[in-house]
Amino acid sequence: MFTVDYTVDAVQNGKKELVKTFIQNESVAEAMNTFIDTESELTKKAVKTGLDTFTTLAGETTKVVQNSMKFDYVKFNEGIIKAFTEAKK
C-alpha cells in the first residue's frame, strides 16, 4: 500500500512543481494546489478501498475453496447412488 501512496505523492508533487513554475497568479495557484491535494486524497482512498475489497474477496474465496476441499465427494456420490437405486425399486 505504501508504494501506491509514494507513487501518488510523486505525481502530485510533480503537478505542484508545474503550478509553481508556470502559474504566476497567487489565487489561481492556490486553487490549483488545493485541487491537487484533494485529488491526491481521493486517489489514495480509492486505491485503499480497492485493495481492501480485493483482500477481502481473496480471503473469502480461499475459505470457500478450502471448505470445498474438505467435502467428501465419494460419500456424497454413494449417497446419491443409494437414493437412486432405492427410488428405482
N, C-alpha and C. Protein backbone atom coordinates (compact mmCIF):
# COMPACT_ATOMS: atom_id res chain seq x y z
N MET A 1 0.83 -1.19 0.00
CA MET A 1 0.00 0.00 0.00
C MET A 1 0.87 1.25 0.00
N PHE A 2 1.95 1.25 0.78
CA PHE A 2 2.77 2.44 0.86
C PHE A 2 3.40 2.81 -0.47
N THR A 3 3.66 1.84 -1.32
CA THR A 3 4.24 2.11 -2.63
C THR A 3 3.27 2.94 -3.48
N VAL A 4 2.00 2.62 -3.39
CA VAL A 4 0.99 3.37 -4.14
C VAL A 4 0.93 4.80 -3.63
N ASP A 5 1.00 4.98 -2.31
CA ASP A 5 0.97 6.32 -1.73
C ASP A 5 2.17 7.14 -2.22
N TYR A 6 3.34 6.52 -2.23
CA TYR A 6 4.52 7.24 -2.70
C TYR A 6 4.40 7.61 -4.18
N THR A 7 3.84 6.72 -4.96
CA THR A 7 3.66 7.00 -6.39
C THR A 7 2.69 8.14 -6.60
N VAL A 8 1.57 8.11 -5.87
CA VAL A 8 0.58 9.20 -5.97
C VAL A 8 1.22 10.52 -5.54
N ASP A 9 1.96 10.49 -4.43
CA ASP A 9 2.61 11.72 -3.96
C ASP A 9 3.62 12.25 -4.97
N ALA A 10 4.35 11.35 -5.61
CA ALA A 10 5.34 11.78 -6.60
C ALA A 10 4.66 12.48 -7.78
N VAL A 11 3.56 11.91 -8.26
CA VAL A 11 2.84 12.51 -9.39
C VAL A 11 2.26 13.86 -8.97
N GLN A 12 1.66 13.91 -7.78
CA GLN A 12 1.03 15.15 -7.34
C GLN A 12 2.08 16.23 -7.06
N ASN A 13 3.23 15.85 -6.53
CA ASN A 13 4.29 16.83 -6.32
C ASN A 13 4.81 17.37 -7.65
N GLY A 14 4.85 16.53 -8.65
CA GLY A 14 5.22 16.99 -9.99
C GLY A 14 4.23 18.02 -10.52
N LYS A 15 2.95 17.78 -10.27
CA LYS A 15 1.93 18.74 -10.69
C LYS A 15 2.10 20.06 -9.96
N LYS A 16 2.40 19.99 -8.66
CA LYS A 16 2.60 21.21 -7.87
C LYS A 16 3.80 22.00 -8.37
N GLU A 17 4.84 21.29 -8.78
CA GLU A 17 6.02 21.98 -9.33
C GLU A 17 5.67 22.69 -10.63
N LEU A 18 4.84 22.05 -11.46
CA LEU A 18 4.40 22.71 -12.70
C LEU A 18 3.59 23.97 -12.39
N VAL A 19 2.73 23.88 -11.39
CA VAL A 19 1.95 25.05 -10.99
C VAL A 19 2.88 26.15 -10.50
N LYS A 20 3.84 25.77 -9.66
CA LYS A 20 4.79 26.76 -9.12
C LYS A 20 5.59 27.42 -10.23
N THR A 21 5.93 26.65 -11.25
CA THR A 21 6.77 27.16 -12.33
C THR A 21 5.98 28.04 -13.30
N PHE A 22 4.78 27.63 -13.67
CA PHE A 22 4.08 28.29 -14.76
C PHE A 22 2.93 29.21 -14.36
N ILE A 23 2.40 29.09 -13.15
CA ILE A 23 1.26 29.91 -12.75
C ILE A 23 1.76 31.07 -11.89
N GLN A 24 1.59 32.27 -12.38
CA GLN A 24 2.09 33.46 -11.68
C GLN A 24 1.05 34.05 -10.73
N ASN A 25 -0.23 33.88 -11.03
CA ASN A 25 -1.30 34.42 -10.20
C ASN A 25 -1.42 33.57 -8.93
N GLU A 26 -1.29 34.21 -7.75
CA GLU A 26 -1.29 33.50 -6.48
C GLU A 26 -2.62 32.79 -6.19
N SER A 27 -3.74 33.45 -6.46
CA SER A 27 -5.04 32.85 -6.15
C SER A 27 -5.31 31.65 -7.05
N VAL A 28 -4.92 31.74 -8.30
CA VAL A 28 -5.09 30.61 -9.22
C VAL A 28 -4.18 29.46 -8.80
N ALA A 29 -2.95 29.77 -8.43
CA ALA A 29 -2.00 28.74 -8.00
C ALA A 29 -2.51 28.05 -6.73
N GLU A 30 -3.06 28.84 -5.81
CA GLU A 30 -3.59 28.26 -4.56
C GLU A 30 -4.78 27.35 -4.84
N ALA A 31 -5.66 27.78 -5.73
CA ALA A 31 -6.82 26.95 -6.10
C ALA A 31 -6.38 25.65 -6.76
N MET A 32 -5.40 25.74 -7.63
CA MET A 32 -4.91 24.53 -8.30
C MET A 32 -4.23 23.59 -7.33
N ASN A 33 -3.46 24.13 -6.40
CA ASN A 33 -2.80 23.29 -5.39
C ASN A 33 -3.82 22.62 -4.47
N THR A 34 -4.89 23.35 -4.13
CA THR A 34 -5.96 22.75 -3.33
C THR A 34 -6.61 21.59 -4.09
N PHE A 35 -6.85 21.81 -5.37
CA PHE A 35 -7.41 20.74 -6.20
C PHE A 35 -6.47 19.54 -6.25
N ILE A 36 -5.20 19.78 -6.40
CA ILE A 36 -4.21 18.70 -6.48
C ILE A 36 -4.18 17.91 -5.16
N ASP A 37 -4.25 18.63 -4.03
CA ASP A 37 -4.27 17.95 -2.73
C ASP A 37 -5.52 17.09 -2.56
N THR A 38 -6.66 17.65 -2.96
CA THR A 38 -7.92 16.90 -2.87
C THR A 38 -7.89 15.68 -3.77
N GLU A 39 -7.38 15.87 -4.96
CA GLU A 39 -7.26 14.77 -5.91
C GLU A 39 -6.35 13.66 -5.35
N SER A 40 -5.29 14.06 -4.67
CA SER A 40 -4.37 13.10 -4.06
C SER A 40 -5.07 12.28 -2.97
N GLU A 41 -5.83 12.95 -2.11
CA GLU A 41 -6.56 12.25 -1.05
C GLU A 41 -7.57 11.27 -1.63
N LEU A 42 -8.30 11.71 -2.64
CA LEU A 42 -9.30 10.86 -3.27
C LEU A 42 -8.66 9.62 -3.89
N THR A 43 -7.57 9.82 -4.59
CA THR A 43 -6.88 8.70 -5.24
C THR A 43 -6.38 7.70 -4.22
N LYS A 44 -5.79 8.19 -3.14
CA LYS A 44 -5.29 7.29 -2.10
C LYS A 44 -6.43 6.50 -1.46
N LYS A 45 -7.56 7.16 -1.19
CA LYS A 45 -8.70 6.47 -0.58
C LYS A 45 -9.28 5.43 -1.54
N ALA A 46 -9.36 5.78 -2.82
CA ALA A 46 -9.90 4.84 -3.81
C ALA A 46 -9.02 3.61 -3.94
N VAL A 47 -7.72 3.81 -3.97
CA VAL A 47 -6.80 2.68 -4.06
C VAL A 47 -6.88 1.82 -2.81
N LYS A 48 -6.93 2.46 -1.64
CA LYS A 48 -7.03 1.70 -0.38
C LYS A 48 -8.31 0.88 -0.34
N THR A 49 -9.42 1.48 -0.75
CA THR A 49 -10.70 0.76 -0.77
C THR A 49 -10.65 -0.40 -1.74
N GLY A 50 -10.08 -0.19 -2.91
CA GLY A 50 -9.95 -1.26 -3.89
C GLY A 50 -9.09 -2.41 -3.38
N LEU A 51 -7.97 -2.08 -2.74
CA LEU A 51 -7.10 -3.13 -2.21
C LEU A 51 -7.76 -3.87 -1.06
N ASP A 52 -8.48 -3.14 -0.19
CA ASP A 52 -9.20 -3.79 0.90
C ASP A 52 -10.27 -4.74 0.37
N THR A 53 -10.98 -4.30 -0.65
CA THR A 53 -12.02 -5.13 -1.26
C THR A 53 -11.39 -6.39 -1.86
N PHE A 54 -10.31 -6.21 -2.59
CA PHE A 54 -9.64 -7.36 -3.20
C PHE A 54 -9.14 -8.33 -2.14
N THR A 55 -8.58 -7.81 -1.06
CA THR A 55 -8.08 -8.66 0.01
C THR A 55 -9.21 -9.46 0.65
N THR A 56 -10.34 -8.81 0.89
CA THR A 56 -11.49 -9.50 1.46
C THR A 56 -12.00 -10.58 0.52
N LEU A 57 -12.15 -10.25 -0.76
CA LEU A 57 -12.63 -11.23 -1.73
C LEU A 57 -11.68 -12.42 -1.84
N ALA A 58 -10.39 -12.14 -1.85
CA ALA A 58 -9.41 -13.22 -1.95
C ALA A 58 -9.47 -14.12 -0.72
N GLY A 59 -9.63 -13.53 0.46
CA GLY A 59 -9.73 -14.31 1.68
C GLY A 59 -10.97 -15.19 1.71
N GLU A 60 -12.09 -14.62 1.30
CA GLU A 60 -13.34 -15.40 1.28
C GLU A 60 -13.29 -16.50 0.22
N THR A 61 -12.68 -16.22 -0.91
CA THR A 61 -12.53 -17.25 -1.95
C THR A 61 -11.66 -18.39 -1.45
N THR A 62 -10.61 -18.05 -0.73
CA THR A 62 -9.74 -19.09 -0.16
C THR A 62 -10.51 -19.96 0.82
N LYS A 63 -11.35 -19.34 1.65
CA LYS A 63 -12.16 -20.12 2.60
C LYS A 63 -13.10 -21.07 1.87
N VAL A 64 -13.75 -20.59 0.81
CA VAL A 64 -14.68 -21.43 0.05
C VAL A 64 -13.94 -22.61 -0.58
N VAL A 65 -12.78 -22.35 -1.15
CA VAL A 65 -12.00 -23.42 -1.77
C VAL A 65 -11.56 -24.44 -0.73
N GLN A 66 -11.10 -23.95 0.42
CA GLN A 66 -10.68 -24.86 1.48
C GLN A 66 -11.85 -25.71 1.99
N ASN A 67 -13.01 -25.11 2.14
CA ASN A 67 -14.18 -25.86 2.59
C ASN A 67 -14.62 -26.88 1.54
N SER A 68 -14.52 -26.52 0.27
CA SER A 68 -14.91 -27.47 -0.77
C SER A 68 -13.92 -28.64 -0.84
N MET A 69 -12.69 -28.41 -0.46
CA MET A 69 -11.71 -29.50 -0.45
C MET A 69 -11.96 -30.46 0.70
N LYS A 70 -12.60 -29.98 1.75
CA LYS A 70 -12.91 -30.83 2.90
C LYS A 70 -14.13 -31.71 2.62
N PHE A 71 -14.91 -31.37 1.65
CA PHE A 71 -16.14 -32.09 1.34
C PHE A 71 -15.80 -33.48 0.82
N ASP A 72 -16.51 -34.47 1.31
CA ASP A 72 -16.28 -35.87 0.91
C ASP A 72 -17.18 -36.19 -0.29
N TYR A 73 -16.64 -36.00 -1.47
CA TYR A 73 -17.42 -36.22 -2.69
C TYR A 73 -17.75 -37.70 -2.91
N VAL A 74 -16.87 -38.60 -2.47
CA VAL A 74 -17.12 -40.03 -2.63
C VAL A 74 -18.34 -40.44 -1.81
N LYS A 75 -18.39 -39.99 -0.58
CA LYS A 75 -19.53 -40.30 0.28
C LYS A 75 -20.81 -39.68 -0.29
N PHE A 76 -20.71 -38.46 -0.79
CA PHE A 76 -21.86 -37.80 -1.40
C PHE A 76 -22.37 -38.58 -2.60
N ASN A 77 -21.44 -39.02 -3.43
CA ASN A 77 -21.80 -39.80 -4.62
C ASN A 77 -22.45 -41.12 -4.23
N GLU A 78 -21.91 -41.78 -3.21
CA GLU A 78 -22.50 -43.04 -2.75
C GLU A 78 -23.93 -42.82 -2.26
N GLY A 79 -24.16 -41.70 -1.58
CA GLY A 79 -25.50 -41.37 -1.10
C GLY A 79 -26.47 -41.16 -2.24
N ILE A 80 -26.02 -40.50 -3.29
CA ILE A 80 -26.87 -40.26 -4.45
C ILE A 80 -27.20 -41.57 -5.15
N ILE A 81 -26.19 -42.40 -5.34
CA ILE A 81 -26.42 -43.70 -5.99
C ILE A 81 -27.38 -44.54 -5.16
N LYS A 82 -27.21 -44.56 -3.85
CA LYS A 82 -28.10 -45.32 -2.98
C LYS A 82 -29.53 -44.81 -3.08
N ALA A 83 -29.69 -43.50 -3.06
CA ALA A 83 -31.03 -42.91 -3.17
C ALA A 83 -31.65 -43.24 -4.53
N PHE A 84 -30.85 -43.19 -5.59
CA PHE A 84 -31.34 -43.50 -6.93
C PHE A 84 -31.78 -44.95 -7.04
N THR A 85 -30.95 -45.85 -6.51
CA THR A 85 -31.32 -47.27 -6.60
C THR A 85 -32.54 -47.59 -5.76
N GLU A 86 -32.69 -46.94 -4.61
CA GLU A 86 -33.87 -47.17 -3.79
C GLU A 86 -35.13 -46.61 -4.45
N ALA A 87 -34.98 -45.46 -5.11
CA ALA A 87 -36.12 -44.85 -5.79
C ALA A 87 -36.52 -45.67 -7.02
N LYS A 88 -35.57 -46.39 -7.60
CA LYS A 88 -35.80 -47.17 -8.79
C LYS A 88 -36.59 -48.44 -8.46
N LYS A 89 -36.51 -48.92 -7.22
CA LYS A 89 -37.19 -50.17 -6.82
C LYS A 89 -38.67 -50.04 -6.82
